[in-house]
Amino acid sequence: MAEINITAYNFENEVLRSDTPVLVDFFANWCGPCKMLAPVLQEIAEEYEGALQVGKINVDEQRELAMRFQVSSIPTLILFKDGEAVTKSVGFRSKAEIVAMVKDAG
């Protein structure tokens, strides 16, 4: 399954009520590091299908979600587990760093 486009409308169902952990990418279309991160997240979404969901939130379109989670720089990755934000990473990260962040969060 591909990444999920998350909005204020589907955030609760897709993220907070998810049975699997959800890695949420706060991004913008004009952001260079966000563009570099996109294929990395796509790979992770494919490799960990069933065990992890990857969602994307466009901060220009979903300002209220960005403010709710204090996203001031992008890209920002937040891992949600059982409806809670458990870890956060700001800036471009390698695939290995992102996978380690997910695994460390248990």
PDB file of N, CA and C in Angstrom:
ATOM      1  N   MET A   1       0.841  -1.197   0.000  1.00  0.00           N
ATOM      2  CA  MET A   1       0.000   0.000   0.000  1.00  0.00           C
ATOM      3  C   MET A   1       0.875   1.246   0.000  1.00  0.00           C
ATOM      4  N   ALA A   2       0.450   2.220  -0.725  1.00  0.00           N
ATOM      5  CA  ALA A   2       1.208   3.468  -0.798  1.00  0.00           C
ATOM      6  C   ALA A   2       0.999   4.280   0.475  1.00  0.00           C
ATOM      7  N   GLU A   3       1.651   5.384   0.511  1.00  0.00           N
ATOM      8  CA  GLU A   3       1.499   6.282   1.650  1.00  0.00           C
ATOM      9  C   GLU A   3       0.076   6.845   1.675  1.00  0.00           C
ATOM     10  N   ILE A   4      -0.347   7.225   2.853  1.00  0.00           N
ATOM     11  CA  ILE A   4      -1.688   7.766   3.051  1.00  0.00           C
ATOM     12  C   ILE A   4      -1.595   9.287   3.100  1.00  0.00           C
ATOM     13  N   ASN A   5      -2.479   9.951   2.370  1.00  0.00           N
ATOM     14  CA  ASN A   5      -2.566  11.404   2.464  1.00  0.00           C
ATOM     15  C   ASN A   5      -3.467  11.716   3.661  1.00  0.00           C
ATOM     16  N   ILE A   6      -2.907  12.389   4.657  1.00  0.00           N
ATOM     17  CA  ILE A   6      -3.639  12.647   5.892  1.00  0.00           C
ATOM     18  C   ILE A   6      -4.075  14.105   5.960  1.00  0.00           C
ATOM     19  N   THR A   7      -5.336  14.285   6.329  1.00  0.00           N
ATOM     20  CA  THR A   7      -5.911  15.618   6.487  1.00  0.00           C
ATOM     21  C   THR A   7      -6.552  15.688   7.872  1.00  0.00           C
ATOM     22  N   ALA A   8      -7.016  16.863   8.234  1.00  0.00           N
ATOM     23  CA  ALA A   8      -7.718  17.014   9.507  1.00  0.00           C
ATOM     24  C   ALA A   8      -8.954  16.113   9.524  1.00  0.00           C
ATOM     25  N   TYR A   9      -9.545  15.889   8.355  1.00  0.00           N
ATOM     26  CA  TYR A   9     -10.756  15.079   8.237  1.00  0.00           C
ATOM     27  C   TYR A   9     -10.503  13.603   8.594  1.00  0.00           C
ATOM     28  N   ASN A  10      -9.387  13.023   8.124  1.00  0.00           N
ATOM     29  CA  ASN A  10      -9.155  11.587   8.348  1.00  0.00           C
ATOM     30  C   ASN A  10      -8.079  11.287   9.385  1.00  0.00           C
ATOM     31  N   PHE A  11      -7.524  12.311  10.017  1.00  0.00           N
ATOM     32  CA  PHE A  11      -6.410  12.129  10.957  1.00  0.00           C
ATOM     33  C   PHE A  11      -6.752  11.149  12.086  1.00  0.00           C
ATOM     34  N   GLU A  12      -7.915  11.324  12.693  1.00  0.00           N
ATOM     35  CA  GLU A  12      -8.260  10.468  13.831  1.00  0.00           C
ATOM     36  C   GLU A  12      -8.349   9.001  13.420  1.00  0.00           C
ATOM     37  N   ASN A  13      -9.033   8.710  12.320  1.00  0.00           N
ATOM     38  CA  ASN A  13      -9.173   7.318  11.878  1.00  0.00           C
ATOM     39  C   ASN A  13      -7.864   6.720  11.389  1.00  0.00           C
ATOM     40  N   GLU A  14      -7.114   7.462  10.577  1.00  0.00           N
ATOM     41  CA  GLU A  14      -5.899   6.926   9.963  1.00  0.00           C
ATOM     42  C   GLU A  14      -4.710   6.853  10.920  1.00  0.00           C
ATOM     43  N   VAL A  15      -4.648   7.770  11.869  1.00  0.00           N
ATOM     44  CA  VAL A  15      -3.476   7.846  12.752  1.00  0.00           C
ATOM     45  C   VAL A  15      -3.812   7.420  14.180  1.00  0.00           C
ATOM     46  N   LEU A  16      -4.725   8.120  14.801  1.00  0.00           N
ATOM     47  CA  LEU A  16      -4.992   7.875  16.221  1.00  0.00           C
ATOM     48  C   LEU A  16      -5.647   6.528  16.485  1.00  0.00           C
ATOM     49  N   ARG A  17      -6.453   6.041  15.559  1.00  0.00           N
ATOM     50  CA  ARG A  17      -7.141   4.754  15.752  1.00  0.00           C
ATOM     51  C   ARG A  17      -6.485   3.600  15.009  1.00  0.00           C
ATOM     52  N   SER A  18      -5.324   3.817  14.441  1.00  0.00           N
ATOM     53  CA  SER A  18      -4.649   2.786  13.658  1.00  0.00           C
ATOM     54  C   SER A  18      -4.193   1.631  14.549  1.00  0.00           C
ATOM     55  N   ASP A  19      -4.339   0.417  14.036  1.00  0.00           N
ATOM     56  CA  ASP A  19      -3.871  -0.778  14.750  1.00  0.00           C
ATOM     57  C   ASP A  19      -2.359  -0.936  14.652  1.00  0.00           C
ATOM     58  N   THR A  20      -1.753  -0.300  13.670  1.00  0.00           N
ATOM     59  CA  THR A  20      -0.302  -0.367  13.488  1.00  0.00           C
ATOM     60  C   THR A  20       0.296   1.011  13.728  1.00  0.00           C
ATOM     61  N   PRO A  21       1.588   1.082  14.053  1.00  0.00           N
ATOM     62  CA  PRO A  21       2.236   2.385  14.187  1.00  0.00           C
ATOM     63  C   PRO A  21       2.134   3.174  12.872  1.00  0.00           C
ATOM     64  N   VAL A  22       2.067   4.483  12.984  1.00  0.00           N
ATOM     65  CA  VAL A  22       1.966   5.344  11.802  1.00  0.00           C
ATOM     66  C   VAL A  22       3.091   6.371  11.850  1.00  0.00           C
ATOM     67  N   LEU A  23       3.917   6.365  10.820  1.00  0.00           N
ATOM     68  CA  LEU A  23       4.985   7.348  10.675  1.00  0.00           C
ATOM     69  C   LEU A  23       4.431   8.477   9.815  1.00  0.00           C
ATOM     70  N   VAL A  24       4.303   9.659  10.399  1.00  0.00           N
ATOM     71  CA  VAL A  24       3.700  10.791   9.692  1.00  0.00           C
ATOM     72  C   VAL A  24       4.790  11.770   9.267  1.00  0.00           C
ATOM     73  N   ASP A  25       4.773  12.094   7.980  1.00  0.00           N
ATOM     74  CA  ASP A  25       5.714  13.034   7.381  1.00  0.00           C
ATOM     75  C   ASP A  25       4.998  14.367   7.180  1.00  0.00           C
ATOM     76  N   PHE A  26       5.433  15.380   7.927  1.00  0.00           N
ATOM     77  CA  PHE A  26       4.932  16.741   7.721  1.00  0.00           C
ATOM     78  C   PHE A  26       5.843  17.377   6.672  1.00  0.00           C
ATOM     79  N   PHE A  27       5.279  17.777   5.534  1.00  0.00           N
ATOM     80  CA  PHE A  27       6.082  18.235   4.401  1.00  0.00           C
ATOM     81  C   PHE A  27       5.402  19.399   3.682  1.00  0.00           C
ATOM     82  N   ALA A  28       6.111  19.956   2.699  1.00  0.00           N
ATOM     83  CA  ALA A  28       5.537  20.935   1.766  1.00  0.00           C
ATOM     84  C   ALA A  28       6.111  20.650   0.385  1.00  0.00           C
ATOM     85  N   ASN A  29       5.335  20.928  -0.640  1.00  0.00           N
ATOM     86  CA  ASN A  29       5.769  20.640  -2.011  1.00  0.00           C
ATOM     87  C   ASN A  29       6.999  21.438  -2.431  1.00  0.00           C
ATOM     88  N   TRP A  30       7.209  22.613  -1.836  1.00  0.00           N
ATOM     89  CA  TRP A  30       8.319  23.486  -2.216  1.00  0.00           C
ATOM     90  C   TRP A  30       9.609  23.177  -1.445  1.00  0.00           C
ATOM     91  N   CYS A  31       9.554  22.252  -0.512  1.00  0.00           N
ATOM     92  CA  CYS A  31      10.676  21.974   0.401  1.00  0.00           C
ATOM     93  C   CYS A  31      11.648  20.966  -0.215  1.00  0.00           C
ATOM     94  N   GLY A  32      12.890  21.395  -0.449  1.00  0.00           N
ATOM     95  CA  GLY A  32      13.912  20.529  -1.041  1.00  0.00           C
ATOM     96  C   GLY A  32      14.184  19.258  -0.250  1.00  0.00           C
ATOM     97  N   PRO A  33      14.504  19.371   1.052  1.00  0.00           N
ATOM     98  CA  PRO A  33      14.741  18.162   1.844  1.00  0.00           C
ATOM     99  C   PRO A  33      13.525  17.229   1.893  1.00  0.00           C
ATOM    100  N   CYS A  34      12.323  17.797   1.817  1.00  0.00           N
ATOM    101  CA  CYS A  34      11.102  16.979   1.796  1.00  0.00           C
ATOM    102  C   CYS A  34      11.067  16.138   0.523  1.00  0.00           C
ATOM    103  N   LYS A  35      11.456  16.749  -0.600  1.00  0.00           N
ATOM    104  CA  LYS A  35      11.489  16.027  -1.876  1.00  0.00           C
ATOM    105  C   LYS A  35      12.524  14.911  -1.833  1.00  0.00           C
ATOM    106  N   MET A  36      13.650  15.151  -1.166  1.00  0.00           N
ATOM    107  CA  MET A  36      14.685  14.122  -1.040  1.00  0.00           C
ATOM    108  C   MET A  36      14.202  12.969  -0.157  1.00  0.00           C
ATOM    109  N   LEU A  37      13.386  13.285   0.830  1.00  0.00           N
ATOM    110  CA  LEU A  37      12.901  12.283   1.778  1.00  0.00           C
ATOM    111  C   LEU A  37      11.777  11.424   1.192  1.00  0.00           C
ATOM    112  N   ALA A  38      11.025  11.954   0.247  1.00  0.00           N
ATOM    113  CA  ALA A  38       9.841  11.268  -0.291  1.00  0.00           C
ATOM    114  C   ALA A  38      10.132   9.841  -0.790  1.00  0.00           C
ATOM    115  N   PRO A  39      11.168   9.618  -1.632  1.00  0.00           N
ATOM    116  CA  PRO A  39      11.402   8.242  -2.093  1.00  0.00           C
ATOM    117  C   PRO A  39      11.864   7.305  -0.973  1.00  0.00           C
ATOM    118  N   VAL A  40      12.538   7.842   0.019  1.00  0.00           N
ATOM    119  CA  VAL A  40      12.974   7.044   1.174  1.00  0.00           C
ATOM    120  C   VAL A  40      11.743   6.549   1.934  1.00  0.00           C
ATOM    121  N   LEU A  41      10.792   7.435   2.165  1.00  0.00           N
ATOM    122  CA  LEU A  41       9.572   7.063   2.884  1.00  0.00           C
ATOM    123  C   LEU A  41       8.727   6.090   2.067  1.00  0.00           C
ATOM    124  N   GLN A  42       8.731   6.250   0.746  1.00  0.00           N
ATOM    125  CA  GLN A  42       7.996   5.336  -0.121  1.00  0.00           C
ATOM    126  C   GLN A  42       8.562   3.913   0.020  1.00  0.00           C
ATOM    127  N   GLU A  43       9.886   3.802   0.036  1.00  0.00           N
ATOM    128  CA  GLU A  43      10.541   2.499   0.227  1.00  0.00           C
ATOM    129  C   GLU A  43      10.161   1.882   1.564  1.00  0.00           C
ATOM    130  N   ILE A  44      10.214   2.689   2.612  1.00  0.00           N
ATOM    131  CA  ILE A  44       9.867   2.203   3.955  1.00  0.00           C
ATOM    132  C   ILE A  44       8.414   1.742   3.985  1.00  0.00           C
ATOM    133  N   ALA A  45       7.516   2.508   3.361  1.00  0.00           N
ATOM    134  CA  ALA A  45       6.089   2.149   3.320  1.00  0.00           C
ATOM    135  C   ALA A  45       5.896   0.790   2.661  1.00  0.00           C
ATOM    136  N   GLU A  46       6.639   0.541   1.583  1.00  0.00           N
ATOM    137  CA  GLU A  46       6.514  -0.729   0.868  1.00  0.00           C
ATOM    138  C   GLU A  46       7.130  -1.879   1.652  1.00  0.00           C
ATOM    139  N   GLU A  47       8.315  -1.660   2.217  1.00  0.00           N
ATOM    140  CA  GLU A  47       9.025  -2.726   2.921  1.00  0.00           C
ATOM    141  C   GLU A  47       8.356  -3.133   4.232  1.00  0.00           C
ATOM    142  N   TYR A  48       7.710  -2.192   4.885  1.00  0.00           N
ATOM    143  CA  TYR A  48       7.114  -2.473   6.194  1.00  0.00           C
ATOM    144  C   TYR A  48       5.594  -2.535   6.133  1.00  0.00           C
ATOM    145  N   GLU A  49       5.059  -2.771   4.943  1.00  0.00           N
ATOM    146  CA  GLU A  49       3.607  -2.863   4.764  1.00  0.00           C
ATOM    147  C   GLU A  49       3.035  -3.910   5.713  1.00  0.00           C
ATOM    148  N   GLY A  50       1.980  -3.527   6.402  1.00  0.00           N
ATOM    149  CA  GLY A  50       1.355  -4.431   7.360  1.00  0.00           C
ATOM    150  C   GLY A  50       1.842  -4.207   8.785  1.00  0.00           C
ATOM    151  N   ALA A  51       3.087  -3.755   8.931  1.00  0.00           N
ATOM    152  CA  ALA A  51       3.657  -3.516  10.264  1.00  0.00           C
ATOM    153  C   ALA A  51       3.738  -2.029  10.586  1.00  0.00           C
ATOM    154  N   LEU A  52       3.715  -1.190   9.545  1.00  0.00           N
ATOM    155  CA  LEU A  52       3.872   0.252   9.709  1.00  0.00           C
ATOM    156  C   LEU A  52       3.140   0.943   8.577  1.00  0.00           C
ATOM    157  N   GLN A  53       2.429   1.999   8.904  1.00  0.00           N
ATOM    158  CA  GLN A  53       1.831   2.837   7.876  1.00  0.00           C
ATOM    159  C   GLN A  53       2.641   4.123   7.775  1.00  0.00           C
ATOM    160  N   VAL A  54       2.713   4.663   6.583  1.00  0.00           N
ATOM    161  CA  VAL A  54       3.386   5.944   6.378  1.00  0.00           C
ATOM    162  C   VAL A  54       2.343   6.926   5.856  1.00  0.00           C
ATOM    163  N   GLY A  55       2.202   8.036   6.569  1.00  0.00           N
ATOM    164  CA  GLY A  55       1.251   9.059   6.173  1.00  0.00           C
ATOM    165  C   GLY A  55       1.956  10.368   5.882  1.00  0.00           C
ATOM    166  N   LYS A  56       1.340  11.181   5.027  1.00  0.00           N
ATOM    167  CA  LYS A  56       1.921  12.463   4.661  1.00  0.00           C
ATOM    168  C   LYS A  56       0.920  13.574   4.947  1.00  0.00           C
ATOM    169  N   ILE A  57       1.414  14.631   5.589  1.00  0.00           N
ATOM    170  CA  ILE A  57       0.583  15.801   5.869  1.00  0.00           C
ATOM    171  C   ILE A  57       1.247  17.023   5.240  1.00  0.00           C
ATOM    172  N   ASN A  58       0.543  17.632   4.296  1.00  0.00           N
ATOM    173  CA  ASN A  58       1.039  18.842   3.651  1.00  0.00           C
ATOM    174  C   ASN A  58       0.775  20.014   4.601  1.00  0.00           C
ATOM    175  N   VAL A  59       1.843  20.609   5.128  1.00  0.00           N
ATOM    176  CA  VAL A  59       1.684  21.670   6.139  1.00  0.00           C
ATOM    177  C   VAL A  59       1.028  22.930   5.579  1.00  0.00           C
ATOM    178  N   ASP A  60       1.149  23.155   4.276  1.00  0.00           N
ATOM    179  CA  ASP A  60       0.501  24.325   3.671  1.00  0.00           C
ATOM    180  C   ASP A  60      -1.015  24.147   3.628  1.00  0.00           C
ATOM    181  N   GLU A  61      -1.476  22.909   3.487  1.00  0.00           N
ATOM    182  CA  GLU A  61      -2.910  22.630   3.410  1.00  0.00           C
ATOM    183  C   GLU A  61      -3.513  22.276   4.767  1.00  0.00           C
ATOM    184  N   GLN A  62      -2.685  21.802   5.691  1.00  0.00           N
ATOM    185  CA  GLN A  62      -3.169  21.317   6.994  1.00  0.00           C
ATOM    186  C   GLN A  62      -2.467  22.060   8.134  1.00  0.00           C
ATOM    187  N   ARG A  63      -2.576  23.359   8.133  1.00  0.00           N
ATOM    188  CA  ARG A  63      -1.881  24.188   9.131  1.00  0.00           C
ATOM    189  C   ARG A  63      -2.258  23.835  10.565  1.00  0.00           C
ATOM    190  N   GLU A  64      -3.547  23.508  10.778  1.00  0.00           N
ATOM    191  CA  GLU A  64      -3.986  23.207  12.142  1.00  0.00           C
ATOM    192  C   GLU A  64      -3.310  21.947  12.690  1.00  0.00           C
ATOM    193  N   LEU A  65      -3.100  20.938  11.835  1.00  0.00           N
ATOM    194  CA  LEU A  65      -2.391  19.734  12.297  1.00  0.00           C
ATOM    195  C   LEU A  65      -0.921  20.049  12.577  1.00  0.00           C
ATOM    196  N   ALA A  66      -0.318  20.866  11.730  1.00  0.00           N
ATOM    197  CA  ALA A  66       1.081  21.254  11.944  1.00  0.00           C
ATOM    198  C   ALA A  66       1.225  22.005  13.270  1.00  0.00           C
ATOM    199  N   MET A  67       0.295  22.909  13.554  1.00  0.00           N
ATOM    200  CA  MET A  67       0.351  23.661  14.812  1.00  0.00           C
ATOM    201  C   MET A  67       0.093  22.740  16.008  1.00  0.00           C
ATOM    202  N   ARG A  68      -0.843  21.825  15.858  1.00  0.00           N
ATOM    203  CA  ARG A  68      -1.193  20.900  16.943  1.00  0.00           C
ATOM    204  C   ARG A  68       0.014  20.098  17.414  1.00  0.00           C
ATOM    205  N   PHE A  69       0.891  19.737  16.466  1.00  0.00           N
ATOM    206  CA  PHE A  69       2.067  18.934  16.819  1.00  0.00           C
ATOM    207  C   PHE A  69       3.358  19.749  16.801  1.00  0.00           C
ATOM    208  N   GLN A  70       3.222  21.063  16.890  1.00  0.00           N
ATOM    209  CA  GLN A  70       4.348  21.985  17.001  1.00  0.00           C
ATOM    210  C   GLN A  70       5.413  21.768  15.933  1.00  0.00           C
ATOM    211  N   VAL A  71       4.952  21.635  14.700  1.00  0.00           N
ATOM    212  CA  VAL A  71       5.861  21.473  13.572  1.00  0.00           C
ATOM    213  C   VAL A  71       6.270  22.862  13.115  1.00  0.00           C
ATOM    214  N   SER A  72       7.536  23.203  13.357  1.00  0.00           N
ATOM    215  CA  SER A  72       8.023  24.529  12.964  1.00  0.00           C
ATOM    216  C   SER A  72       9.049  24.451  11.839  1.00  0.00           C
ATOM    217  N   SER A  73       9.599  23.274  11.615  1.00  0.00           N
ATOM    218  CA  SER A  73      10.541  23.043  10.520  1.00  0.00           C
ATOM    219  C   SER A  73      10.118  21.777   9.794  1.00  0.00           C
ATOM    220  N   ILE A  74      10.391  21.748   8.496  1.00  0.00           N
ATOM    221  CA  ILE A  74      10.062  20.551   7.733  1.00  0.00           C
ATOM    222  C   ILE A  74      11.283  20.089   6.955  1.00  0.00           C
ATOM    223  N   PRO A  75      11.384  18.812   6.653  1.00  0.00           N
ATOM    224  CA  PRO A  75      10.434  17.768   7.025  1.00  0.00           C
ATOM    225  C   PRO A  75      10.512  17.417   8.520  1.00  0.00           C
ATOM    226  N   THR A  76       9.372  17.101   9.079  1.00  0.00           N
ATOM    227  CA  THR A  76       9.292  16.583  10.444  1.00  0.00           C
ATOM    228  C   THR A  76       8.595  15.236  10.377  1.00  0.00           C
ATOM    229  N   LEU A  77       9.188  14.244  10.997  1.00  0.00           N
ATOM    230  CA  LEU A  77       8.584  12.919  11.092  1.00  0.00           C
ATOM    231  C   LEU A  77       8.142  12.699  12.522  1.00  0.00           C
ATOM    232  N   ILE A  78       6.903  12.252  12.703  1.00  0.00           N
ATOM    233  CA  ILE A  78       6.406  11.907  14.029  1.00  0.00           C
ATOM    234  C   ILE A  78       5.849  10.490  13.947  1.00  0.00           C
ATOM    235  N   LEU A  79       6.293   9.648  14.854  1.00  0.00           N
ATOM    236  CA  LEU A  79       5.798   8.282  14.912  1.00  0.00           C
ATOM    237  C   LEU A  79       4.689   8.208  15.954  1.00  0.00           C
ATOM    238  N   PHE A  80       3.534   7.740  15.523  1.00  0.00           N
ATOM    239  CA  PHE A  80       2.382   7.561  16.411  1.00  0.00           C
ATOM    240  C   PHE A  80       2.187   6.082  16.669  1.00  0.00           C
ATOM    241  N   LYS A  81       1.968   5.761  17.931  1.00  0.00           N
ATOM    242  CA  LYS A  81       1.707   4.381  18.308  1.00  0.00           C
ATOM    243  C   LYS A  81       0.589   4.393  19.340  1.00  0.00           C
ATOM    244  N   ASP A  82      -0.441   3.591  19.104  1.00  0.00           N
ATOM    245  CA  ASP A  82      -1.602   3.535  19.996  1.00  0.00           C
ATOM    246  C   ASP A  82      -2.188   4.926  20.251  1.00  0.00           C
ATOM    247  N   GLY A  83      -2.232   5.745  19.213  1.00  0.00           N
ATOM    248  CA  GLY A  83      -2.848   7.063  19.320  1.00  0.00           C
ATOM    249  C   GLY A  83      -1.988   8.138  19.956  1.00  0.00           C
ATOM    250  N   GLU A  84      -0.742   7.808  20.276  1.00  0.00           N
ATOM    251  CA  GLU A  84       0.156   8.777  20.926  1.00  0.00           C
ATOM    252  C   GLU A  84       1.373   9.053  20.045  1.00  0.00           C
ATOM    253  N   ALA A  85       1.833  10.305  20.063  1.00  0.00           N
ATOM    254  CA  ALA A  85       3.090  10.646  19.392  1.00  0.00           C
ATOM    255  C   ALA A  85       4.219  10.156  20.296  1.00  0.00           C
ATOM    256  N   VAL A  86       5.023   9.199  19.805  1.00  0.00           N
ATOM    257  CA  VAL A  86       6.047   8.596  20.664  1.00  0.00           C
ATOM    258  C   VAL A  86       7.462   9.086  20.365  1.00  0.00           C
ATOM    259  N   THR A  87       7.706   9.539  19.148  1.00  0.00           N
ATOM    260  CA  THR A  87       9.026  10.077  18.832  1.00  0.00           C
ATOM    261  C   THR A  87       8.913  11.030  17.647  1.00  0.00           C
ATOM    262  N   LYS A  88       9.882  11.958  17.573  1.00  0.00           N
ATOM    263  CA  LYS A  88       9.841  13.018  16.565  1.00  0.00           C
ATOM    264  C   LYS A  88      11.246  13.252  16.032  1.00  0.00           C
ATOM    265  N   SER A  89      11.341  13.506  14.747  1.00  0.00           N
ATOM    266  CA  SER A  89      12.615  13.778  14.104  1.00  0.00           C
ATOM    267  C   SER A  89      12.428  14.940  13.139  1.00  0.00           C
ATOM    268  N   VAL A  90      13.346  15.905  13.184  1.00  0.00           N
ATOM    269  CA  VAL A  90      13.246  17.076  12.317  1.00  0.00           C
ATOM    270  C   VAL A  90      14.419  17.089  11.351  1.00  0.00           C
ATOM    271  N   GLY A  91      14.122  17.339  10.072  1.00  0.00           N
ATOM    272  CA  GLY A  91      15.157  17.402   9.050  1.00  0.00           C
ATOM    273  C   GLY A  91      15.283  16.090   8.289  1.00  0.00           C
ATOM    274  N   PHE A  92      16.076  16.124   7.232  1.00  0.00           N
ATOM    275  CA  PHE A  92      16.279  14.930   6.412  1.00  0.00           C
ATOM    276  C   PHE A  92      17.015  13.866   7.216  1.00  0.00           C
ATOM    277  N   ARG A  93      16.549  12.625   7.100  1.00  0.00           N
ATOM    278  CA  ARG A  93      17.209  11.486   7.741  1.00  0.00           C
ATOM    279  C   ARG A  93      17.367  10.386   6.702  1.00  0.00           C
ATOM    280  N   SER A  94      18.408   9.589   6.868  1.00  0.00           N
ATOM    281  CA  SER A  94      18.604   8.460   5.966  1.00  0.00           C
ATOM    282  C   SER A  94      17.583   7.375   6.278  1.00  0.00           C
ATOM    283  N   LYS A  95      17.445   6.454   5.343  1.00  0.00           N
ATOM    284  CA  LYS A  95      16.523   5.334   5.550  1.00  0.00           C
ATOM    285  C   LYS A  95      16.891   4.564   6.816  1.00  0.00           C
ATOM    286  N   ALA A  96      18.180   4.310   7.008  1.00  0.00           N
ATOM    287  CA  ALA A  96      18.642   3.561   8.185  1.00  0.00           C
ATOM    288  C   ALA A  96      18.271   4.290   9.481  1.00  0.00           C
ATOM    289  N   GLU A  97      18.423   5.617   9.492  1.00  0.00           N
ATOM    290  CA  GLU A  97      18.087   6.396  10.691  1.00  0.00           C
ATOM    291  C   GLU A  97      16.591   6.340  10.978  1.00  0.00           C
ATOM    292  N   ILE A  98      15.780   6.407   9.931  1.00  0.00           N
ATOM    293  CA  ILE A  98      14.326   6.378  10.118  1.00  0.00           C
ATOM    294  C   ILE A  98      13.886   4.999  10.610  1.00  0.00           C
ATOM    295  N   VAL A  99      14.422   3.948   9.998  1.00  0.00           N
ATOM    296  CA  VAL A  99      14.075   2.587  10.424  1.00  0.00           C
ATOM    297  C   VAL A  99      14.500   2.368  11.881  1.00  0.00           C
ATOM    298  N   ALA A 100      15.679   2.857  12.249  1.00  0.00           N
ATOM    299  CA  ALA A 100      16.147   2.727  13.628  1.00  0.00           C
ATOM    300  C   ALA A 100      15.221   3.485  14.587  1.00  0.00           C
ATOM    301  N   MET A 101      14.776   4.668  14.184  1.00  0.00           N
ATOM    302  CA  MET A 101      13.870   5.462  15.017  1.00  0.00           C
ATOM    303  C   MET A 101      12.571   4.683  15.259  1.00  0.00           C
ATOM    304  N   VAL A 102      12.049   4.056  14.222  1.00  0.00           N
ATOM    305  CA  VAL A 102      10.806   3.287  14.339  1.00  0.00           C
ATOM    306  C   VAL A 102      11.023   2.076  15.248  1.00  0.00           C
ATOM    307  N   LYS A 103      12.126   1.374  15.037  1.00  0.00           N
ATOM    308  CA  LYS A 103      12.403   0.174  15.842  1.00  0.00           C
ATOM    309  C   LYS A 103      12.680   0.526  17.302  1.00  0.00           C
ATOM    310  N   ASP A 104      13.389   1.619  17.539  1.00  0.00           N
ATOM    311  CA  ASP A 104      13.692   2.047  18.913  1.00  0.00           C
ATOM    312  C   ASP A 104      12.435   2.397  19.684  1.00  0.00           C
ATOM    313  N   ALA A 105      11.428   2.890  18.964  1.00  0.00           N
ATOM    314  CA  ALA A 105      10.171   3.262  19.618  1.00  0.00           C
ATOM    315  C   ALA A 105       9.353   2.024  19.987  1.00  0.00           C
ATOM    316  N   GLY A 106       9.809   0.880  19.484  1.00  0.00           N
ATOM    317  CA  GLY A 106       9.205  -0.398  19.860  1.00  0.00           C
ATOM    318  C   GLY A 106       7.908  -0.663  19.206  1.00  0.00           C
TER     319      GLY A 106
END
